[in-house]
N, C-alpha and C. Protein backbone atom coordinates (compact mmCIF):
# COMPACT_ATOMS: atom_id res chain seq x y z
N MET A 1 -0.07 15.08 20.78
CA MET A 1 0.63 14.38 19.71
C MET A 1 -0.19 14.53 18.43
N THR A 2 0.45 14.91 17.36
CA THR A 2 -0.25 15.14 16.10
C THR A 2 -0.32 13.87 15.27
N THR A 3 -1.20 13.91 14.27
CA THR A 3 -1.34 12.77 13.36
C THR A 3 -0.04 12.53 12.61
N GLN A 4 0.64 13.61 12.24
CA GLN A 4 1.91 13.48 11.52
C GLN A 4 2.92 12.69 12.32
N SER A 5 3.02 12.95 13.63
CA SER A 5 4.00 12.23 14.43
C SER A 5 3.58 10.78 14.65
N LEU A 6 2.28 10.50 14.65
CA LEU A 6 1.82 9.12 14.78
C LEU A 6 2.10 8.31 13.52
N LEU A 7 2.18 8.98 12.38
CA LEU A 7 2.38 8.26 11.11
C LEU A 7 3.80 8.40 10.56
N SER A 8 4.72 8.93 11.33
CA SER A 8 6.10 9.03 10.85
C SER A 8 6.76 7.66 10.93
N LYS A 9 7.73 7.44 10.07
CA LYS A 9 8.41 6.14 10.02
C LYS A 9 9.11 5.85 11.34
N ASN A 10 8.80 4.71 11.93
CA ASN A 10 9.45 4.32 13.17
C ASN A 10 9.68 2.81 13.24
N VAL A 11 9.45 2.11 12.12
CA VAL A 11 9.67 0.67 12.03
C VAL A 11 10.68 0.44 10.92
N GLY A 12 11.80 -0.17 11.24
CA GLY A 12 12.82 -0.37 10.22
C GLY A 12 13.50 -1.72 10.31
N GLY A 13 14.22 -2.05 9.27
CA GLY A 13 15.08 -3.22 9.23
C GLY A 13 14.40 -4.54 9.52
N ILE A 14 14.99 -5.26 10.46
CA ILE A 14 14.50 -6.60 10.81
C ILE A 14 13.08 -6.54 11.35
N ASP A 15 12.78 -5.51 12.13
CA ASP A 15 11.43 -5.34 12.69
C ASP A 15 10.39 -5.30 11.57
N ARG A 16 10.67 -4.53 10.54
CA ARG A 16 9.74 -4.39 9.42
C ARG A 16 9.58 -5.71 8.66
N THR A 17 10.69 -6.37 8.39
CA THR A 17 10.66 -7.65 7.68
C THR A 17 9.86 -8.69 8.45
N LEU A 18 10.10 -8.79 9.75
CA LEU A 18 9.37 -9.76 10.57
C LEU A 18 7.88 -9.46 10.60
N ARG A 19 7.52 -8.19 10.70
CA ARG A 19 6.10 -7.82 10.70
C ARG A 19 5.43 -8.25 9.39
N ILE A 20 6.09 -8.01 8.27
CA ILE A 20 5.51 -8.35 6.97
C ILE A 20 5.37 -9.86 6.82
N VAL A 21 6.42 -10.59 7.14
CA VAL A 21 6.39 -12.06 6.99
C VAL A 21 5.37 -12.69 7.93
N ILE A 22 5.42 -12.34 9.20
CA ILE A 22 4.49 -12.93 10.17
C ILE A 22 3.06 -12.53 9.87
N GLY A 23 2.85 -11.26 9.53
CA GLY A 23 1.50 -10.80 9.19
C GLY A 23 0.95 -11.51 7.97
N ALA A 24 1.77 -11.66 6.94
CA ALA A 24 1.33 -12.35 5.72
C ALA A 24 1.01 -13.81 6.01
N LEU A 25 1.84 -14.47 6.81
CA LEU A 25 1.58 -15.87 7.16
C LEU A 25 0.29 -16.01 7.95
N MET A 26 0.04 -15.08 8.86
CA MET A 26 -1.19 -15.13 9.65
C MET A 26 -2.44 -14.90 8.78
N VAL A 27 -2.34 -13.97 7.83
CA VAL A 27 -3.46 -13.72 6.92
C VAL A 27 -3.71 -14.94 6.04
N ILE A 28 -2.66 -15.53 5.50
CA ILE A 28 -2.80 -16.72 4.66
C ILE A 28 -3.41 -17.87 5.47
N ALA A 29 -2.93 -18.06 6.70
CA ALA A 29 -3.47 -19.12 7.56
C ALA A 29 -4.95 -18.90 7.82
N ALA A 30 -5.36 -17.66 8.03
CA ALA A 30 -6.77 -17.37 8.27
C ALA A 30 -7.61 -17.62 7.01
N LEU A 31 -7.06 -17.27 5.85
CA LEU A 31 -7.81 -17.44 4.61
C LEU A 31 -7.98 -18.90 4.22
N ILE A 32 -7.02 -19.76 4.58
CA ILE A 32 -7.16 -21.18 4.23
C ILE A 32 -7.78 -21.99 5.37
N GLY A 33 -8.13 -21.32 6.47
CA GLY A 33 -8.89 -21.99 7.51
C GLY A 33 -8.13 -22.48 8.72
N TYR A 34 -6.85 -22.17 8.85
CA TYR A 34 -6.09 -22.61 10.01
C TYR A 34 -6.27 -21.69 11.22
N SER A 35 -6.77 -20.51 10.99
CA SER A 35 -6.93 -19.54 12.06
C SER A 35 -8.20 -18.73 11.83
N LYS A 36 -8.77 -18.22 12.90
CA LYS A 36 -9.98 -17.39 12.77
C LYS A 36 -9.66 -15.93 13.03
N TRP A 37 -8.40 -15.59 13.24
CA TRP A 37 -8.01 -14.24 13.61
C TRP A 37 -7.36 -13.49 12.47
N LEU A 38 -8.11 -13.24 11.42
CA LEU A 38 -7.59 -12.53 10.25
C LEU A 38 -7.09 -11.14 10.62
N LEU A 39 -7.84 -10.43 11.45
CA LEU A 39 -7.46 -9.07 11.82
C LEU A 39 -6.13 -9.03 12.56
N ILE A 40 -5.85 -10.05 13.35
CA ILE A 40 -4.58 -10.10 14.08
C ILE A 40 -3.40 -10.12 13.10
N GLY A 41 -3.55 -10.76 11.97
CA GLY A 41 -2.49 -10.79 10.96
C GLY A 41 -2.40 -9.52 10.14
N VAL A 42 -3.53 -8.84 9.96
CA VAL A 42 -3.55 -7.62 9.15
C VAL A 42 -2.78 -6.50 9.84
N VAL A 43 -2.84 -6.43 11.16
CA VAL A 43 -2.18 -5.34 11.88
C VAL A 43 -0.65 -5.35 11.68
N PRO A 44 0.06 -6.45 11.95
CA PRO A 44 1.51 -6.41 11.71
C PRO A 44 1.86 -6.26 10.23
N LEU A 45 1.04 -6.82 9.36
CA LEU A 45 1.29 -6.69 7.92
C LEU A 45 1.19 -5.22 7.51
N ALA A 46 0.15 -4.55 7.93
CA ALA A 46 -0.05 -3.14 7.57
C ALA A 46 1.04 -2.24 8.17
N THR A 47 1.37 -2.46 9.44
CA THR A 47 2.39 -1.62 10.06
C THR A 47 3.77 -1.87 9.43
N GLY A 48 4.02 -3.09 9.01
CA GLY A 48 5.27 -3.38 8.33
C GLY A 48 5.35 -2.75 6.96
N LEU A 49 4.26 -2.82 6.21
CA LEU A 49 4.24 -2.23 4.87
C LEU A 49 4.32 -0.71 4.91
N MET A 50 3.72 -0.10 5.92
CA MET A 50 3.74 1.36 6.04
C MET A 50 4.97 1.88 6.79
N SER A 51 5.74 0.98 7.39
CA SER A 51 6.92 1.33 8.19
C SER A 51 6.59 2.27 9.35
N THR A 52 5.38 2.16 9.85
CA THR A 52 4.98 2.99 10.98
C THR A 52 4.10 2.20 11.93
N CYS A 53 4.30 2.42 13.21
CA CYS A 53 3.51 1.76 14.24
C CYS A 53 3.02 2.82 15.23
N PRO A 54 1.72 3.08 15.27
CA PRO A 54 1.19 4.09 16.20
C PRO A 54 1.55 3.80 17.66
N LEU A 55 1.58 2.55 18.04
CA LEU A 55 1.95 2.21 19.41
C LEU A 55 3.39 2.61 19.71
N TYR A 56 4.30 2.38 18.75
CA TYR A 56 5.69 2.80 18.92
C TYR A 56 5.75 4.32 19.13
N SER A 57 4.95 5.06 18.36
CA SER A 57 4.93 6.52 18.50
C SER A 57 4.48 6.93 19.89
N LEU A 58 3.48 6.27 20.41
CA LEU A 58 2.95 6.62 21.72
C LEU A 58 3.94 6.35 22.84
N ILE A 59 4.73 5.28 22.71
CA ILE A 59 5.69 4.97 23.77
C ILE A 59 7.11 5.47 23.48
N GLY A 60 7.28 6.11 22.33
CA GLY A 60 8.56 6.71 21.99
C GLY A 60 9.63 5.75 21.47
N LEU A 61 9.21 4.65 20.91
CA LEU A 61 10.15 3.65 20.38
C LEU A 61 10.34 3.86 18.89
N ASN A 62 11.56 3.68 18.41
CA ASN A 62 11.88 3.84 17.00
C ASN A 62 12.96 2.84 16.62
N THR A 63 12.68 1.94 15.66
CA THR A 63 13.66 0.97 15.22
C THR A 63 14.29 1.32 13.88
N CYS A 64 13.96 2.50 13.34
CA CYS A 64 14.58 2.96 12.09
C CYS A 64 15.97 3.50 12.38
N LYS A 65 16.86 3.30 11.42
CA LYS A 65 18.19 3.90 11.54
C LYS A 65 18.07 5.40 11.34
N LYS A 66 18.84 6.14 12.09
CA LYS A 66 18.85 7.60 11.96
C LYS A 66 19.70 8.00 10.76
N ASP A 67 19.21 9.00 10.01
CA ASP A 67 19.97 9.51 8.85
C ASP A 67 21.05 10.45 9.28
């Protein structure tokens, strides 16, 4: 599996929105002291913003609409 296929868009729609919202809330909670797991929030936030999930690529899952 190449780097290009690992970084191709495979997160779309509701999946992407939920990742961004939940990730942002987790990061904010960690920054104001409600949680100690900042990195846990960064992962869904980053994958949502980039619209790509390496784990999805490895297991062959794609939530983007086909063109």
